[in-house]
Amino acid sequence: MEDDPTPLRLNALETLDRVAERIDRAAPDE
């Protein structure tokens, strides 16, 4: 395993993507 910030970046991006999906689902369909 390498000590790179890349994995953390990808993890954060994935988390944001999941949160966005949740918000999209919770948001009213207009």
PDB file of N, CA and C in Angstrom:
ATOM      1  N   MET A   1       0.851  -1.211   0.000  1.00  0.00           N
ATOM      2  CA  MET A   1       0.000   0.000   0.000  1.00  0.00           C
ATOM      3  C   MET A   1       0.880   1.252   0.000  1.00  0.00           C
ATOM      4  N   GLU A   2       0.523   2.201  -0.829  1.00  0.00           N
ATOM      5  CA  GLU A   2       1.316   3.429  -0.899  1.00  0.00           C
ATOM      6  C   GLU A   2       0.630   4.551  -0.119  1.00  0.00           C
ATOM      7  N   ASP A   3       1.455   5.413   0.438  1.00  0.00           N
ATOM      8  CA  ASP A   3       0.903   6.538   1.193  1.00  0.00           C
ATOM      9  C   ASP A   3       0.567   7.667   0.222  1.00  0.00           C
ATOM     10  N   ASP A   4      -0.574   7.533  -0.434  1.00  0.00           N
ATOM     11  CA  ASP A   4      -0.972   8.540  -1.417  1.00  0.00           C
ATOM     12  C   ASP A   4      -2.308   9.163  -1.031  1.00  0.00           C
ATOM     13  N   PRO A   5      -2.484  10.449  -1.307  1.00  0.00           N
ATOM     14  CA  PRO A   5      -3.752  11.122  -1.004  1.00  0.00           C
ATOM     15  C   PRO A   5      -4.836  10.768  -2.019  1.00  0.00           C
ATOM     16  N   THR A   6      -4.442  10.068  -3.083  1.00  0.00           N
ATOM     17  CA  THR A   6      -5.410   9.737  -4.129  1.00  0.00           C
ATOM     18  C   THR A   6      -6.574   8.902  -3.602  1.00  0.00           C
ATOM     19  N   PRO A   7      -6.310   7.813  -2.858  1.00  0.00           N
ATOM     20  CA  PRO A   7      -7.414   6.997  -2.340  1.00  0.00           C
ATOM     21  C   PRO A   7      -8.391   7.822  -1.515  1.00  0.00           C
ATOM     22  N   LEU A   8      -7.858   8.712  -0.695  1.00  0.00           N
ATOM     23  CA  LEU A   8      -8.737   9.542   0.131  1.00  0.00           C
ATOM     24  C   LEU A   8      -9.587  10.434  -0.745  1.00  0.00           C
ATOM     25  N   ARG A   9      -8.967  10.952  -1.797  1.00  0.00           N
ATOM     26  CA  ARG A   9      -9.723  11.828  -2.713  1.00  0.00           C
ATOM     27  C   ARG A   9     -10.857  11.049  -3.356  1.00  0.00           C
ATOM     28  N   LEU A  10     -10.541   9.851  -3.830  1.00  0.00           N
ATOM     29  CA  LEU A  10     -11.566   9.030  -4.490  1.00  0.00           C
ATOM     30  C   LEU A  10     -12.667   8.694  -3.496  1.00  0.00           C
ATOM     31  N   ASN A  11     -12.277   8.380  -2.267  1.00  0.00           N
ATOM     32  CA  ASN A  11     -13.264   8.047  -1.245  1.00  0.00           C
ATOM     33  C   ASN A  11     -14.191   9.230  -1.002  1.00  0.00           C
ATOM     34  N   ALA A  12     -13.622  10.419  -0.906  1.00  0.00           N
ATOM     35  CA  ALA A  12     -14.431  11.613  -0.670  1.00  0.00           C
ATOM     36  C   ALA A  12     -15.374  11.853  -1.845  1.00  0.00           C
ATOM     37  N   LEU A  13     -14.852  11.671  -3.046  1.00  0.00           N
ATOM     38  CA  LEU A  13     -15.686  11.882  -4.232  1.00  0.00           C
ATOM     39  C   LEU A  13     -16.842  10.891  -4.247  1.00  0.00           C
ATOM     40  N   GLU A  14     -16.541   9.643  -3.882  1.00  0.00           N
ATOM     41  CA  GLU A  14     -17.589   8.622  -3.872  1.00  0.00           C
ATOM     42  C   GLU A  14     -18.646   8.976  -2.824  1.00  0.00           C
ATOM     43  N   THR A  15     -18.184   9.439  -1.672  1.00  0.00           N
ATOM     44  CA  THR A  15     -19.129   9.815  -0.615  1.00  0.00           C
ATOM     45  C   THR A  15     -20.018  10.957  -1.085  1.00  0.00           C
ATOM     46  N   LEU A  16     -19.410  11.968  -1.710  1.00  0.00           N
ATOM     47  CA  LEU A  16     -20.199  13.095  -2.205  1.00  0.00           C
ATOM     48  C   LEU A  16     -21.208  12.628  -3.241  1.00  0.00           C
ATOM     49  N   ASP A  17     -20.770  11.695  -4.100  1.00  0.00           N
ATOM     50  CA  ASP A  17     -21.665  11.182  -5.136  1.00  0.00           C
ATOM     51  C   ASP A  17     -22.857  10.490  -4.486  1.00  0.00           C
ATOM     52  N   ARG A  18     -22.601   9.723  -3.447  1.00  0.00           N
ATOM     53  CA  ARG A  18     -23.690   9.016  -2.758  1.00  0.00           C
ATOM     54  C   ARG A  18     -24.632  10.016  -2.092  1.00  0.00           C
ATOM     55  N   VAL A  19     -24.064  11.018  -1.459  1.00  0.00           N
ATOM     56  CA  VAL A  19     -24.884  12.045  -0.795  1.00  0.00           C
ATOM     57  C   VAL A  19     -25.744  12.760  -1.830  1.00  0.00           C
ATOM     58  N   ALA A  20     -25.137  13.084  -2.971  1.00  0.00           N
ATOM     59  CA  ALA A  20     -25.882  13.774  -4.032  1.00  0.00           C
ATOM     60  C   ALA A  20     -27.036  12.897  -4.500  1.00  0.00           C
ATOM     61  N   GLU A  21     -26.778  11.598  -4.602  1.00  0.00           N
ATOM     62  CA  GLU A  21     -27.834  10.691  -5.046  1.00  0.00           C
ATOM     63  C   GLU A  21     -28.971  10.673  -4.027  1.00  0.00           C
ATOM     64  N   ARG A  22     -28.610  10.675  -2.757  1.00  0.00           N
ATOM     65  CA  ARG A  22     -29.637  10.673  -1.704  1.00  0.00           C
ATOM     66  C   ARG A  22     -30.462  11.955  -1.783  1.00  0.00           C
ATOM     67  N   ILE A  23     -29.768  13.077  -1.938  1.00  0.00           N
ATOM     68  CA  ILE A  23     -30.470  14.364  -2.028  1.00  0.00           C
ATOM     69  C   ILE A  23     -31.391  14.365  -3.241  1.00  0.00           C
ATOM     70  N   ASP A  24     -30.885  13.824  -4.346  1.00  0.00           N
ATOM     71  CA  ASP A  24     -31.683  13.785  -5.572  1.00  0.00           C
ATOM     72  C   ASP A  24     -32.952  12.969  -5.338  1.00  0.00           C
ATOM     73  N   ARG A  25     -32.816  11.885  -4.586  1.00  0.00           N
ATOM     74  CA  ARG A  25     -33.979  11.031  -4.311  1.00  0.00           C
ATOM     75  C   ARG A  25     -34.944  11.735  -3.364  1.00  0.00           C
ATOM     76  N   ALA A  26     -34.383  12.407  -2.354  1.00  0.00           N
ATOM     77  CA  ALA A  26     -35.221  13.073  -1.356  1.00  0.00           C
ATOM     78  C   ALA A  26     -35.877  14.321  -1.945  1.00  0.00           C
ATOM     79  N   ALA A  27     -35.198  14.951  -2.905  1.00  0.00           N
ATOM     80  CA  ALA A  27     -35.738  16.173  -3.499  1.00  0.00           C
ATOM     81  C   ALA A  27     -37.028  15.856  -4.253  1.00  0.00           C
ATOM     82  N   PRO A  28     -37.976  16.787  -4.240  1.00  0.00           N
ATOM     83  CA  PRO A  28     -39.235  16.596  -4.967  1.00  0.00           C
ATOM     84  C   PRO A  28     -39.007  16.596  -6.470  1.00  0.00           C
ATOM     85  N   ASP A  29     -39.754  15.768  -7.155  1.00  0.00           N
ATOM     86  CA  ASP A  29     -39.612  15.668  -8.610  1.00  0.00           C
ATOM     87  C   ASP A  29     -40.328  16.841  -9.274  1.00  0.00           C
ATOM     88  N   GLU A  30     -39.544  17.746  -9.835  1.00  0.00           N
ATOM     89  CA  GLU A  30     -40.159  18.921 -10.477  1.00  0.00           C
ATOM     90  C   GLU A  30     -39.865  18.919 -11.950  1.00  0.00           C
TER      91      GLU A  30
END
